[in-house]
PDB file of N, CA and C in Angstrom:
ATOM      1  N   MET A   1      -5.497 -87.168 -45.503  1.00  0.00           N
ATOM      2  CA  MET A   1      -6.164 -87.345 -44.229  1.00  0.00           C
ATOM      3  C   MET A   1      -5.252 -86.939 -43.081  1.00  0.00           C
ATOM      4  N   LYS A   2      -3.972 -87.282 -43.218  1.00  0.00           N
ATOM      5  CA  LYS A   2      -2.997 -86.941 -42.186  1.00  0.00           C
ATOM      6  C   LYS A   2      -2.857 -85.421 -42.053  1.00  0.00           C
ATOM      7  N   LEU A   3      -2.899 -84.723 -43.172  1.00  0.00           N
ATOM      8  CA  LEU A   3      -2.795 -83.264 -43.162  1.00  0.00           C
ATOM      9  C   LEU A   3      -3.995 -82.636 -42.460  1.00  0.00           C
ATOM     10  N   LEU A   4      -5.187 -83.137 -42.729  1.00  0.00           N
ATOM     11  CA  LEU A   4      -6.387 -82.622 -42.070  1.00  0.00           C
ATOM     12  C   LEU A   4      -6.335 -82.859 -40.561  1.00  0.00           C
ATOM     13  N   PHE A   5      -5.823 -84.028 -40.165  1.00  0.00           N
ATOM     14  CA  PHE A   5      -5.671 -84.342 -38.751  1.00  0.00           C
ATOM     15  C   PHE A   5      -4.714 -83.352 -38.085  1.00  0.00           C
ATOM     16  N   ARG A   6      -3.602 -83.055 -38.737  1.00  0.00           N
ATOM     17  CA  ARG A   6      -2.618 -82.119 -38.188  1.00  0.00           C
ATOM     18  C   ARG A   6      -3.188 -80.701 -38.096  1.00  0.00           C
ATOM     19  N   ILE A   7      -3.938 -80.282 -39.083  1.00  0.00           N
ATOM     20  CA  ILE A   7      -4.555 -78.952 -39.050  1.00  0.00           C
ATOM     21  C   ILE A   7      -5.568 -78.873 -37.916  1.00  0.00           C
ATOM     22  N   LEU A   8      -6.367 -79.904 -37.759  1.00  0.00           N
ATOM     23  CA  LEU A   8      -7.361 -79.933 -36.687  1.00  0.00           C
ATOM     24  C   LEU A   8      -6.697 -79.913 -35.305  1.00  0.00           C
ATOM     25  N   ILE A   9      -5.642 -80.694 -35.134  1.00  0.00           N
ATOM     26  CA  ILE A   9      -4.916 -80.715 -33.865  1.00  0.00           C
ATOM     27  C   ILE A   9      -4.299 -79.351 -33.572  1.00  0.00           C
ATOM     28  N   THR A  10      -3.683 -78.743 -34.577  1.00  0.00           N
ATOM     29  CA  THR A  10      -3.081 -77.424 -34.395  1.00  0.00           C
ATOM     30  C   THR A  10      -4.135 -76.388 -34.026  1.00  0.00           C
ATOM     31  N   ALA A  11      -5.290 -76.459 -34.676  1.00  0.00           N
ATOM     32  CA  ALA A  11      -6.369 -75.512 -34.372  1.00  0.00           C
ATOM     33  C   ALA A  11      -6.858 -75.675 -32.936  1.00  0.00           C
ATOM     34  N   ILE A  12      -7.054 -76.902 -32.514  1.00  0.00           N
ATOM     35  CA  ILE A  12      -7.533 -77.154 -31.147  1.00  0.00           C
ATOM     36  C   ILE A  12      -6.497 -76.688 -30.126  1.00  0.00           C
ATOM     37  N   LEU A  13      -5.240 -77.021 -30.364  1.00  0.00           N
ATOM     38  CA  LEU A  13      -4.185 -76.623 -29.436  1.00  0.00           C
ATOM     39  C   LEU A  13      -4.044 -75.104 -29.378  1.00  0.00           C
ATOM     40  N   ALA A  14      -4.102 -74.445 -30.528  1.00  0.00           N
ATOM     41  CA  ALA A  14      -3.992 -72.983 -30.551  1.00  0.00           C
ATOM     42  C   ALA A  14      -5.146 -72.344 -29.783  1.00  0.00           C
ATOM     43  N   LEU A  15      -6.350 -72.893 -29.939  1.00  0.00           N
ATOM     44  CA  LEU A  15      -7.511 -72.363 -29.222  1.00  0.00           C
ATOM     45  C   LEU A  15      -7.365 -72.564 -27.719  1.00  0.00           C
ATOM     46  N   VAL A  16      -6.918 -73.733 -27.306  1.00  0.00           N
ATOM     47  CA  VAL A  16      -6.728 -74.010 -25.874  1.00  0.00           C
ATOM     48  C   VAL A  16      -5.634 -73.109 -25.297  1.00  0.00           C
ATOM     49  N   ILE A  17      -4.523 -72.979 -26.007  1.00  0.00           N
ATOM     50  CA  ILE A  17      -3.430 -72.137 -25.517  1.00  0.00           C
ATOM     51  C   ILE A  17      -3.877 -70.681 -25.419  1.00  0.00           C
ATOM     52  N   SER A  18      -4.687 -70.226 -26.377  1.00  0.00           N
ATOM     53  CA  SER A  18      -5.155 -68.836 -26.326  1.00  0.00           C
ATOM     54  C   SER A  18      -6.070 -68.597 -25.130  1.00  0.00           C
ATOM     55  N   LYS A  19      -6.795 -69.621 -24.720  1.00  0.00           N
ATOM     56  CA  LYS A  19      -7.655 -69.480 -23.538  1.00  0.00           C
ATOM     57  C   LYS A  19      -6.829 -69.435 -22.254  1.00  0.00           C
ATOM     58  N   LEU A  20      -5.680 -70.103 -22.248  1.00  0.00           N
ATOM     59  CA  LEU A  20      -4.842 -70.174 -21.059  1.00  0.00           C
ATOM     60  C   LEU A  20      -3.818 -69.040 -20.972  1.00  0.00           C
ATOM     61  N   MET A  21      -3.482 -68.451 -22.107  1.00  0.00           N
ATOM     62  CA  MET A  21      -2.426 -67.453 -22.158  1.00  0.00           C
ATOM     63  C   MET A  21      -2.985 -66.053 -22.295  1.00  0.00           C
ATOM     64  N   LYS A  22      -2.487 -65.176 -21.468  1.00  0.00           N
ATOM     65  CA  LYS A  22      -2.853 -63.770 -21.595  1.00  0.00           C
ATOM     66  C   LYS A  22      -2.052 -63.184 -22.753  1.00  0.00           C
ATOM     67  N   GLY A  23      -2.673 -62.397 -23.589  1.00  0.00           N
ATOM     68  CA  GLY A  23      -1.965 -61.769 -24.692  1.00  0.00           C
ATOM     69  C   GLY A  23      -2.193 -62.426 -26.035  1.00  0.00           C
ATOM     70  N   VAL A  24      -2.846 -63.588 -26.044  1.00  0.00           N
ATOM     71  CA  VAL A  24      -3.182 -64.260 -27.306  1.00  0.00           C
ATOM     72  C   VAL A  24      -4.694 -64.413 -27.349  1.00  0.00           C
ATOM     73  N   ILE A  25      -5.290 -63.909 -28.419  1.00  0.00           N
ATOM     74  CA  ILE A  25      -6.742 -63.953 -28.554  1.00  0.00           C
ATOM     75  C   ILE A  25      -7.099 -64.643 -29.870  1.00  0.00           C
ATOM     76  N   ILE A  26      -7.915 -65.687 -29.764  1.00  0.00           N
ATOM     77  CA  ILE A  26      -8.517 -66.326 -30.939  1.00  0.00           C
ATOM     78  C   ILE A  26     -10.017 -66.294 -30.707  1.00  0.00           C
ATOM     79  N   ASP A  27     -10.741 -65.639 -31.602  1.00  0.00           N
ATOM     80  CA  ASP A  27     -12.167 -65.395 -31.406  1.00  0.00           C
ATOM     81  C   ASP A  27     -13.011 -66.661 -31.339  1.00  0.00           C
ATOM     82  N   GLU A  28     -12.850 -67.532 -32.317  1.00  0.00           N
ATOM     83  CA  GLU A  28     -13.696 -68.733 -32.387  1.00  0.00           C
ATOM     84  C   GLU A  28     -12.943 -69.865 -33.067  1.00  0.00           C
ATOM     85  N   PHE A  29     -13.581 -71.027 -33.139  1.00  0.00           N
ATOM     86  CA  PHE A  29     -12.907 -72.207 -33.669  1.00  0.00           C
ATOM     87  C   PHE A  29     -12.583 -72.064 -35.157  1.00  0.00           C
ATOM     88  N   THR A  30     -13.442 -71.415 -35.920  1.00  0.00           N
ATOM     89  CA  THR A  30     -13.132 -71.226 -37.350  1.00  0.00           C
ATOM     90  C   THR A  30     -11.901 -70.339 -37.527  1.00  0.00           C
ATOM     91  N   THR A  31     -11.735 -69.379 -36.631  1.00  0.00           N
ATOM     92  CA  THR A  31     -10.529 -68.557 -36.665  1.00  0.00           C
ATOM     93  C   THR A  31      -9.309 -69.414 -36.334  1.00  0.00           C
ATOM     94  N   ALA A  32      -9.457 -70.321 -35.382  1.00  0.00           N
ATOM     95  CA  ALA A  32      -8.360 -71.222 -35.024  1.00  0.00           C
ATOM     96  C   ALA A  32      -7.988 -72.120 -36.212  1.00  0.00           C
ATOM     97  N   LEU A  33      -8.993 -72.586 -36.949  1.00  0.00           N
ATOM     98  CA  LEU A  33      -8.709 -73.382 -38.156  1.00  0.00           C
ATOM     99  C   LEU A  33      -7.947 -72.543 -39.184  1.00  0.00           C
ATOM    100  N   THR A  34      -8.363 -71.299 -39.353  1.00  0.00           N
ATOM    101  CA  THR A  34      -7.675 -70.397 -40.278  1.00  0.00           C
ATOM    102  C   THR A  34      -6.240 -70.159 -39.823  1.00  0.00           C
ATOM    103  N   VAL A  35      -6.054 -69.968 -38.525  1.00  0.00           N
ATOM    104  CA  VAL A  35      -4.705 -69.781 -37.977  1.00  0.00           C
ATOM    105  C   VAL A  35      -3.849 -71.006 -38.264  1.00  0.00           C
ATOM    106  N   ALA A  36      -4.392 -72.192 -38.076  1.00  0.00           N
ATOM    107  CA  ALA A  36      -3.642 -73.425 -38.329  1.00  0.00           C
ATOM    108  C   ALA A  36      -3.236 -73.537 -39.800  1.00  0.00           C
ATOM    109  N   ILE A  37      -4.135 -73.196 -40.690  1.00  0.00           N
ATOM    110  CA  ILE A  37      -3.837 -73.271 -42.128  1.00  0.00           C
ATOM    111  C   ILE A  37      -2.789 -72.232 -42.517  1.00  0.00           C
ATOM    112  N   VAL A  38      -2.965 -70.999 -42.041  1.00  0.00           N
ATOM    113  CA  VAL A  38      -2.013 -69.933 -42.372  1.00  0.00           C
ATOM    114  C   VAL A  38      -0.640 -70.229 -41.778  1.00  0.00           C
ATOM    115  N   LEU A  39      -0.601 -70.739 -40.545  1.00  0.00           N
ATOM    116  CA  LEU A  39       0.689 -71.112 -39.952  1.00  0.00           C
ATOM    117  C   LEU A  39       1.373 -72.198 -40.781  1.00  0.00           C
ATOM    118  N   GLY A  40       0.606 -73.164 -41.238  1.00  0.00           N
ATOM    119  CA  GLY A  40       1.173 -74.209 -42.084  1.00  0.00           C
ATOM    120  C   GLY A  40       1.745 -73.658 -43.375  1.00  0.00           C
ATOM    121  N   LEU A  41       1.012 -72.744 -43.997  1.00  0.00           N
ATOM    122  CA  LEU A  41       1.486 -72.138 -45.251  1.00  0.00           C
ATOM    123  C   LEU A  41       2.713 -71.267 -45.021  1.00  0.00           C
ATOM    124  N   LEU A  42       2.699 -70.476 -43.947  1.00  0.00           N
ATOM    125  CA  LEU A  42       3.861 -69.637 -43.642  1.00  0.00           C
ATOM    126  C   LEU A  42       5.084 -70.490 -43.314  1.00  0.00           C
ATOM    127  N   ASN A  43       4.882 -71.571 -42.589  1.00  0.00           N
ATOM    128  CA  ASN A  43       5.995 -72.473 -42.271  1.00  0.00           C
ATOM    129  C   ASN A  43       6.540 -73.158 -43.522  1.00  0.00           C
ATOM    130  N   PHE A  44       5.672 -73.378 -44.501  1.00  0.00           N
ATOM    131  CA  PHE A  44       6.097 -74.051 -45.726  1.00  0.00           C
ATOM    132  C   PHE A  44       6.800 -73.101 -46.693  1.00  0.00           C
ATOM    133  N   PHE A  45       6.272 -71.879 -46.831  1.00  0.00           N
ATOM    134  CA  PHE A  45       6.794 -70.970 -47.843  1.00  0.00           C
ATOM    135  C   PHE A  45       7.777 -69.924 -47.296  1.00  0.00           C
ATOM    136  N   VAL A  46       7.485 -69.320 -46.157  1.00  0.00           N
ATOM    137  CA  VAL A  46       8.266 -68.187 -45.668  1.00  0.00           C
ATOM    138  C   VAL A  46       9.415 -68.624 -44.762  1.00  0.00           C
ATOM    139  N   LYS A  47       9.158 -69.586 -43.897  1.00  0.00           N
ATOM    140  CA  LYS A  47      10.170 -69.989 -42.922  1.00  0.00           C
ATOM    141  C   LYS A  47      11.479 -70.461 -43.565  1.00  0.00           C
ATOM    142  N   PRO A  48      11.464 -71.270 -44.623  1.00  0.00           N
ATOM    143  CA  PRO A  48      12.745 -71.674 -45.229  1.00  0.00           C
ATOM    144  C   PRO A  48      13.560 -70.488 -45.752  1.00  0.00           C
ATOM    145  N   ILE A  49      12.877 -69.472 -46.251  1.00  0.00           N
ATOM    146  CA  ILE A  49      13.580 -68.288 -46.747  1.00  0.00           C
ATOM    147  C   ILE A  49      14.224 -67.538 -45.581  1.00  0.00           C
ATOM    148  N   LEU A  50      13.468 -67.374 -44.488  1.00  0.00           N
ATOM    149  CA  LEU A  50      14.014 -66.708 -43.313  1.00  0.00           C
ATOM    150  C   LEU A  50      15.193 -67.485 -42.729  1.00  0.00           C
ATOM    151  N   VAL A  51      15.067 -68.799 -42.684  1.00  0.00           N
ATOM    152  CA  VAL A  51      16.153 -69.635 -42.160  1.00  0.00           C
ATOM    153  C   VAL A  51      17.394 -69.493 -43.032  1.00  0.00           C
ATOM    154  N   LEU A  52      17.203 -69.464 -44.333  1.00  0.00           N
ATOM    155  CA  LEU A  52      18.331 -69.333 -45.254  1.00  0.00           C
ATOM    156  C   LEU A  52      19.046 -67.991 -45.071  1.00  0.00           C
ATOM    157  N   PHE A  53      18.274 -66.909 -44.968  1.00  0.00           N
ATOM    158  CA  PHE A  53      18.882 -65.589 -44.818  1.00  0.00           C
ATOM    159  C   PHE A  53      19.542 -65.390 -43.463  1.00  0.00           C
ATOM    160  N   THR A  54      19.083 -66.094 -42.453  1.00  0.00           N
ATOM    161  CA  THR A  54      19.633 -65.913 -41.105  1.00  0.00           C
ATOM    162  C   THR A  54      20.515 -67.078 -40.690  1.00  0.00           C
ATOM    163  N   LEU A  55      20.983 -67.831 -41.648  1.00  0.00           N
ATOM    164  CA  LEU A  55      21.799 -69.007 -41.344  1.00  0.00           C
ATOM    165  C   LEU A  55      23.044 -68.687 -40.505  1.00  0.00           C
ATOM    166  N   PRO A  56      23.798 -67.629 -40.804  1.00  0.00           N
ATOM    167  CA  PRO A  56      24.966 -67.344 -39.951  1.00  0.00           C
ATOM    168  C   PRO A  56      24.589 -67.052 -38.497  1.00  0.00           C
ATOM    169  N   VAL A  57      23.522 -66.281 -38.302  1.00  0.00           N
ATOM    170  CA  VAL A  57      23.081 -65.968 -36.942  1.00  0.00           C
ATOM    171  C   VAL A  57      22.593 -67.233 -36.245  1.00  0.00           C
ATOM    172  N   THR A  58      21.859 -68.049 -36.961  1.00  0.00           N
ATOM    173  CA  THR A  58      21.364 -69.301 -36.396  1.00  0.00           C
ATOM    174  C   THR A  58      22.524 -70.213 -36.022  1.00  0.00           C
ATOM    175  N   PHE A  59      23.538 -70.234 -36.843  1.00  0.00           N
ATOM    176  CA  PHE A  59      24.716 -71.053 -36.563  1.00  0.00           C
ATOM    177  C   PHE A  59      25.426 -70.576 -35.291  1.00  0.00           C
ATOM    178  N   PHE A  60      25.635 -69.267 -35.178  1.00  0.00           N
ATOM    179  CA  PHE A  60      26.361 -68.726 -34.023  1.00  0.00           C
ATOM    180  C   PHE A  60      25.563 -68.813 -32.722  1.00  0.00           C
ATOM    181  N   THR A  61      24.253 -68.859 -32.821  1.00  0.00           N
ATOM    182  CA  THR A  61      23.432 -68.983 -31.609  1.00  0.00           C
ATOM    183  C   THR A  61      23.059 -70.441 -31.335  1.00  0.00           C
ATOM    184  N   LEU A  62      23.691 -71.341 -32.070  1.00  0.00           N
ATOM    185  CA  LEU A  62      23.456 -72.784 -31.918  1.00  0.00           C
ATOM    186  C   LEU A  62      21.986 -73.158 -32.110  1.00  0.00           C
ATOM    187  N   GLY A  63      21.327 -72.476 -33.033  1.00  0.00           N
ATOM    188  CA  GLY A  63      19.950 -72.801 -33.388  1.00  0.00           C
ATOM    189  C   GLY A  63      18.893 -72.056 -32.595  1.00  0.00           C
ATOM    190  N   LEU A  64      19.295 -71.321 -31.570  1.00  0.00           N
ATOM    191  CA  LEU A  64      18.301 -70.607 -30.758  1.00  0.00           C
ATOM    192  C   LEU A  64      17.601 -69.494 -31.521  1.00  0.00           C
ATOM    193  N   PHE A  65      18.225 -68.994 -32.583  1.00  0.00           N
ATOM    194  CA  PHE A  65      17.587 -67.954 -33.379  1.00  0.00           C
ATOM    195  C   PHE A  65      16.339 -68.476 -34.086  1.00  0.00           C
ATOM    196  N   LEU A  66      16.211 -69.784 -34.209  1.00  0.00           N
ATOM    197  CA  LEU A  66      15.000 -70.358 -34.804  1.00  0.00           C
ATOM    198  C   LEU A  66      13.768 -70.028 -33.968  1.00  0.00           C
ATOM    199  N   LEU A  67      13.945 -69.830 -32.653  1.00  0.00           N
ATOM    200  CA  LEU A  67      12.823 -69.394 -31.811  1.00  0.00           C
ATOM    201  C   LEU A  67      12.340 -68.017 -32.230  1.00  0.00           C
ATOM    202  N   VAL A  68      13.273 -67.149 -32.593  1.00  0.00           N
ATOM    203  CA  VAL A  68      12.924 -65.811 -33.069  1.00  0.00           C
ATOM    204  C   VAL A  68      12.172 -65.910 -34.394  1.00  0.00           C
ATOM    205  N   ILE A  69      12.631 -66.784 -35.270  1.00  0.00           N
ATOM    206  CA  ILE A  69      11.956 -66.971 -36.556  1.00  0.00           C
ATOM    207  C   ILE A  69      10.542 -67.493 -36.341  1.00  0.00           C
ATOM    208  N   ASN A  70      10.363 -68.429 -35.411  1.00  0.00           N
ATOM    209  CA  ASN A  70       9.022 -68.938 -35.114  1.00  0.00           C
ATOM    210  C   ASN A  70       8.115 -67.831 -34.585  1.00  0.00           C
ATOM    211  N   ALA A  71       8.651 -66.961 -33.743  1.00  0.00           N
ATOM    212  CA  ALA A  71       7.860 -65.837 -33.233  1.00  0.00           C
ATOM    213  C   ALA A  71       7.479 -64.889 -34.364  1.00  0.00           C
ATOM    214  N   ILE A  72       8.384 -64.662 -35.299  1.00  0.00           N
ATOM    215  CA  ILE A  72       8.088 -63.807 -36.450  1.00  0.00           C
ATOM    216  C   ILE A  72       6.975 -64.430 -37.293  1.00  0.00           C
ATOM    217  N   ILE A  73       6.997 -65.740 -37.457  1.00  0.00           N
ATOM    218  CA  ILE A  73       5.941 -66.436 -38.203  1.00  0.00           C
ATOM    219  C   ILE A  73       4.591 -66.250 -37.506  1.00  0.00           C
ATOM    220  N   ILE A  74       4.565 -66.347 -36.177  1.00  0.00           N
ATOM    221  CA  ILE A  74       3.323 -66.131 -35.422  1.00  0.00           C
ATOM    222  C   ILE A  74       2.834 -64.700 -35.614  1.00  0.00           C
ATOM    223  N   LEU A  75       3.739 -63.729 -35.565  1.00  0.00           N
ATOM    224  CA  LEU A  75       3.351 -62.329 -35.757  1.00  0.00           C
ATOM    225  C   LEU A  75       2.857 -62.071 -37.181  1.00  0.00           C
ATOM    226  N   LEU A  76       3.453 -62.739 -38.160  1.00  0.00           N
ATOM    227  CA  LEU A  76       2.946 -62.635 -39.536  1.00  0.00           C
ATOM    228  C   LEU A  76       1.540 -63.200 -39.642  1.00  0.00           C
ATOM    229  N   CYS A  77       1.315 -64.311 -38.983  1.00  0.00           N
ATOM    230  CA  CYS A  77      -0.019 -64.917 -38.969  1.00  0.00           C
ATOM    231  C   CYS A  77      -1.022 -63.966 -38.325  1.00  0.00           C
ATOM    232  N   ASP A  78      -0.589 -63.265 -37.280  1.00  0.00           N
ATOM    233  CA  ASP A  78      -1.428 -62.268 -36.619  1.00  0.00           C
ATOM    234  C   ASP A  78      -1.859 -61.180 -37.606  1.00  0.00           C
ATOM    235  N   GLU A  79      -0.957 -60.803 -38.499  1.00  0.00           N
ATOM    236  CA  GLU A  79      -1.277 -59.766 -39.487  1.00  0.00           C
ATOM    237  C   GLU A  79      -2.266 -60.259 -40.540  1.00  0.00           C
ATOM    238  N   PHE A  80      -2.202 -61.526 -40.884  1.00  0.00           N
ATOM    239  CA  PHE A  80      -3.029 -62.063 -41.968  1.00  0.00           C
ATOM    240  C   PHE A  80      -4.417 -62.520 -41.536  1.00  0.00           C
ATOM    241  N   VAL A  81      -4.569 -62.935 -40.288  1.00  0.00           N
ATOM    242  CA  VAL A  81      -5.827 -63.546 -39.845  1.00  0.00           C
ATOM    243  C   VAL A  81      -6.586 -62.577 -38.930  1.00  0.00           C
ATOM    244  N   ASP A  82      -7.792 -62.223 -39.339  1.00  0.00           N
ATOM    245  CA  ASP A  82      -8.657 -61.415 -38.477  1.00  0.00           C
ATOM    246  C   ASP A  82      -9.206 -62.304 -37.371  1.00  0.00           C
ATOM    247  N   GLY A  83      -9.258 -61.759 -36.165  1.00  0.00           N
ATOM    248  CA  GLY A  83      -9.748 -62.540 -35.031  1.00  0.00           C
ATOM    249  C   GLY A  83      -8.649 -63.255 -34.270  1.00  0.00           C
ATOM    250  N   PHE A  84      -7.409 -63.107 -34.749  1.00  0.00           N
ATOM    251  CA  PHE A  84      -6.243 -63.672 -34.063  1.00  0.00           C
ATOM    252  C   PHE A  84      -5.323 -62.526 -33.710  1.00  0.00           C
ATOM    253  N   GLU A  85      -5.072 -62.363 -32.417  1.00  0.00           N
ATOM    254  CA  GLU A  85      -4.238 -61.255 -31.970  1.00  0.00           C
ATOM    255  C   GLU A  85      -3.186 -61.750 -30.993  1.00  0.00           C
ATOM    256  N   VAL A  86      -1.983 -61.263 -31.177  1.00  0.00           N
ATOM    257  CA  VAL A  86      -0.876 -61.539 -30.263  1.00  0.00           C
ATOM    258  C   VAL A  86      -0.351 -60.185 -29.816  1.00  0.00           C
ATOM    259  N   SER A  87      -0.214 -60.010 -28.496  1.00  0.00           N
ATOM    260  CA  SER A  87       0.074 -58.685 -27.956  1.00  0.00           C
ATOM    261  C   SER A  87       1.514 -58.221 -28.152  1.00  0.00           C
ATOM    262  N   SER A  88       2.493 -59.137 -28.146  1.00  0.00           N
ATOM    263  CA  SER A  88       3.883 -58.698 -28.260  1.00  0.00           C
ATOM    264  C   SER A  88       4.746 -59.810 -28.862  1.00  0.00           C
ATOM    265  N   PHE A  89       5.979 -59.436 -29.135  1.00  0.00           N
ATOM    266  CA  PHE A  89       6.937 -60.391 -29.669  1.00  0.00           C
ATOM    267  C   PHE A  89       7.188 -61.528 -28.683  1.00  0.00           C
ATOM    268  N   TRP A  90       7.350 -61.192 -27.401  1.00  0.00           N
ATOM    269  CA  TRP A  90       7.643 -62.201 -26.386  1.00  0.00           C
ATOM    270  C   TRP A  90       6.456 -63.138 -26.180  1.00  0.00           C
ATOM    271  N   THR A  91       5.252 -62.606 -26.300  1.00  0.00           N
ATOM    272  CA  THR A  91       4.065 -63.455 -26.220  1.00  0.00           C
ATOM    273  C   THR A  91       4.024 -64.410 -27.407  1.00  0.00           C
ATOM    274  N   ALA A  92       4.383 -63.901 -28.584  1.00  0.00           N
ATOM    275  CA  ALA A  92       4.430 -64.748 -29.780  1.00  0.00           C
ATOM    276  C   ALA A  92       5.469 -65.852 -29.620  1.00  0.00           C
ATOM    277  N   MET A  93       6.613 -65.515 -29.019  1.00  0.00           N
ATOM    278  CA  MET A  93       7.651 -66.527 -28.826  1.00  0.00           C
ATOM    279  C   MET A  93       7.187 -67.610 -27.849  1.00  0.00           C
ATOM    280  N   LEU A  94       6.576 -67.195 -26.750  1.00  0.00           N
ATOM    281  CA  LEU A  94       6.079 -68.158 -25.775  1.00  0.00           C
ATOM    282  C   LEU A  94       4.958 -69.015 -26.379  1.00  0.00           C
ATOM    283  N   PHE A  95       4.054 -68.387 -27.123  1.00  0.00           N
ATOM    284  CA  PHE A  95       2.972 -69.119 -27.798  1.00  0.00           C
ATOM    285  C   PHE A  95       3.555 -70.150 -28.758  1.00  0.00           C
ATOM    286  N   SER A  96       4.574 -69.757 -29.501  1.00  0.00           N
ATOM    287  CA  SER A  96       5.213 -70.659 -30.456  1.00  0.00           C
ATOM    288  C   SER A  96       5.849 -71.857 -29.761  1.00  0.00           C
ATOM    289  N   ILE A  97       6.535 -71.601 -28.651  1.00  0.00           N
ATOM    290  CA  ILE A  97       7.189 -72.687 -27.910  1.00  0.00           C
ATOM    291  C   ILE A  97       6.155 -73.652 -27.349  1.00  0.00           C
ATOM    292  N   ILE A  98       5.114 -73.102 -26.726  1.00  0.00           N
ATOM    293  CA  ILE A  98       4.077 -73.955 -26.134  1.00  0.00           C
ATOM    294  C   ILE A  98       3.348 -74.748 -27.214  1.00  0.00           C
ATOM    295  N   LEU A  99       3.038 -74.097 -28.338  1.00  0.00           N
ATOM    296  CA  LEU A  99       2.349 -74.789 -29.432  1.00  0.00           C
ATOM    297  C   LEU A  99       3.212 -75.910 -29.996  1.00  0.00           C
ATOM    298  N   SER A 100       4.492 -75.660 -30.206  1.00  0.00           N
ATOM    299  CA  SER A 100       5.382 -76.688 -30.752  1.00  0.00           C
ATOM    300  C   SER A 100       5.512 -77.876 -29.803  1.00  0.00           C
ATOM    301  N   LEU A 101       5.694 -77.588 -28.526  1.00  0.00           N
ATOM    302  CA  LEU A 101       5.830 -78.673 -27.552  1.00  0.00           C
ATOM    303  C   LEU A 101       4.543 -79.483 -27.429  1.00  0.00           C
ATOM    304  N   SER A 102       3.414 -78.795 -27.402  1.00  0.00           N
ATOM    305  CA  SER A 102       2.144 -79.520 -27.276  1.00  0.00           C
ATOM    306  C   SER A 102       1.831 -80.319 -28.541  1.00  0.00           C
ATOM    307  N   GLN A 103       2.183 -79.799 -29.705  1.00  0.00           N
ATOM    308  CA  GLN A 103       2.004 -80.564 -30.938  1.00  0.00           C
ATOM    309  C   GLN A 103       2.856 -81.833 -30.899  1.00  0.00           C
ATOM    310  N   SER A 104       4.097 -81.699 -30.496  1.00  0.00           N
ATOM    311  CA  SER A 104       4.975 -82.866 -30.415  1.00  0.00           C
ATOM    312  C   SER A 104       4.413 -83.912 -29.462  1.00  0.00           C
ATOM    313  N   LEU A 105       3.921 -83.453 -28.333  1.00  0.00           N
ATOM    314  CA  LEU A 105       3.352 -84.370 -27.346  1.00  0.00           C
ATOM    315  C   LEU A 105       2.123 -85.096 -27.902  1.00  0.00           C
ATOM    316  N   VAL A 106       1.224 -84.351 -28.523  1.00  0.00           N
ATOM    317  CA  VAL A 106       0.002 -84.962 -29.071  1.00  0.00           C
ATOM    318  C   VAL A 106       0.345 -85.925 -30.204  1.00  0.00           C
ATOM    319  N   TYR A 107       1.289 -85.560 -31.063  1.00  0.00           N
ATOM    320  CA  TYR A 107       1.661 -86.443 -32.166  1.00  0.00           C
ATOM    321  C   TYR A 107       2.329 -87.721 -31.657  1.00  0.00           C
ATOM    322  N   GLN A 108       3.081 -87.607 -30.570  1.00  0.00           N
ATOM    323  CA  GLN A 108       3.691 -88.809 -29.976  1.00  0.00           C
ATOM    324  C   GLN A 108       2.628 -89.716 -29.388  1.00  0.00           C
ATOM    325  N   ILE A 109       1.643 -89.123 -28.707  1.00  0.00           N
ATOM    326  CA  ILE A 109       0.575 -89.905 -28.080  1.00  0.00           C
ATOM    327  C   ILE A 109      -0.279 -90.607 -29.135  1.00  0.00           C
ATOM    328  N   THR A 110      -0.588 -89.903 -30.223  1.00  0.00           N
ATOM    329  CA  THR A 110      -1.438 -90.481 -31.251  1.00  0.00           C
ATOM    330  C   THR A 110      -0.675 -91.368 -32.230  1.00  0.00           C
ATOM    331  N   GLY A 111       0.654 -91.341 -32.158  1.00  0.00           N
ATOM    332  CA  GLY A 111       1.440 -92.175 -33.060  1.00  0.00           C
ATOM    333  C   GLY A 111       1.605 -91.575 -34.434  1.00  0.00           C
ATOM    334  N   ASP A 112       1.271 -90.312 -34.581  1.00  0.00           N
ATOM    335  CA  ASP A 112       1.412 -89.618 -35.859  1.00  0.00           C
ATOM    336  C   ASP A 112       2.811 -89.027 -35.948  1.00  0.00           C
ATOM    337  N   THR A 113       3.675 -89.662 -36.749  1.00  0.00           N
ATOM    338  CA  THR A 113       5.046 -89.163 -36.884  1.00  0.00           C
ATOM    339  C   THR A 113       5.209 -88.526 -38.244  1.00  0.00           C
ATOM    340  N   LYS A 114       6.249 -87.721 -38.377  1.00  0.00           N
ATOM    341  CA  LYS A 114       6.480 -87.014 -39.650  1.00  0.00           C
ATOM    342  C   LYS A 114       6.998 -87.895 -40.708  1.00  0.00           C
TER     343      LYS A 114
END
């Protein structure tokens, strides 16, 4: 149940952010749900591998390179999901930052902790 709640929250937030941000397009709510699921899967399977391979760079940048990895995950999601478009790398990075911050805020408000 907690997983479904997180997917639903991510989908709603992604849809709202896409309406407010130029350069990010999500066609409809079902596409937003697909984006939330694909982002979850990419974060679970691909992100740890990317973090492992870029560990020295992440260490030297004091963790800031993780923002680049998050943007790459968003761009990968763009490739996999029809109806979800991100115009550039910098837009993906900004979308990732806003989505992460808004997720943290909503989870704090609802009392849903990891």
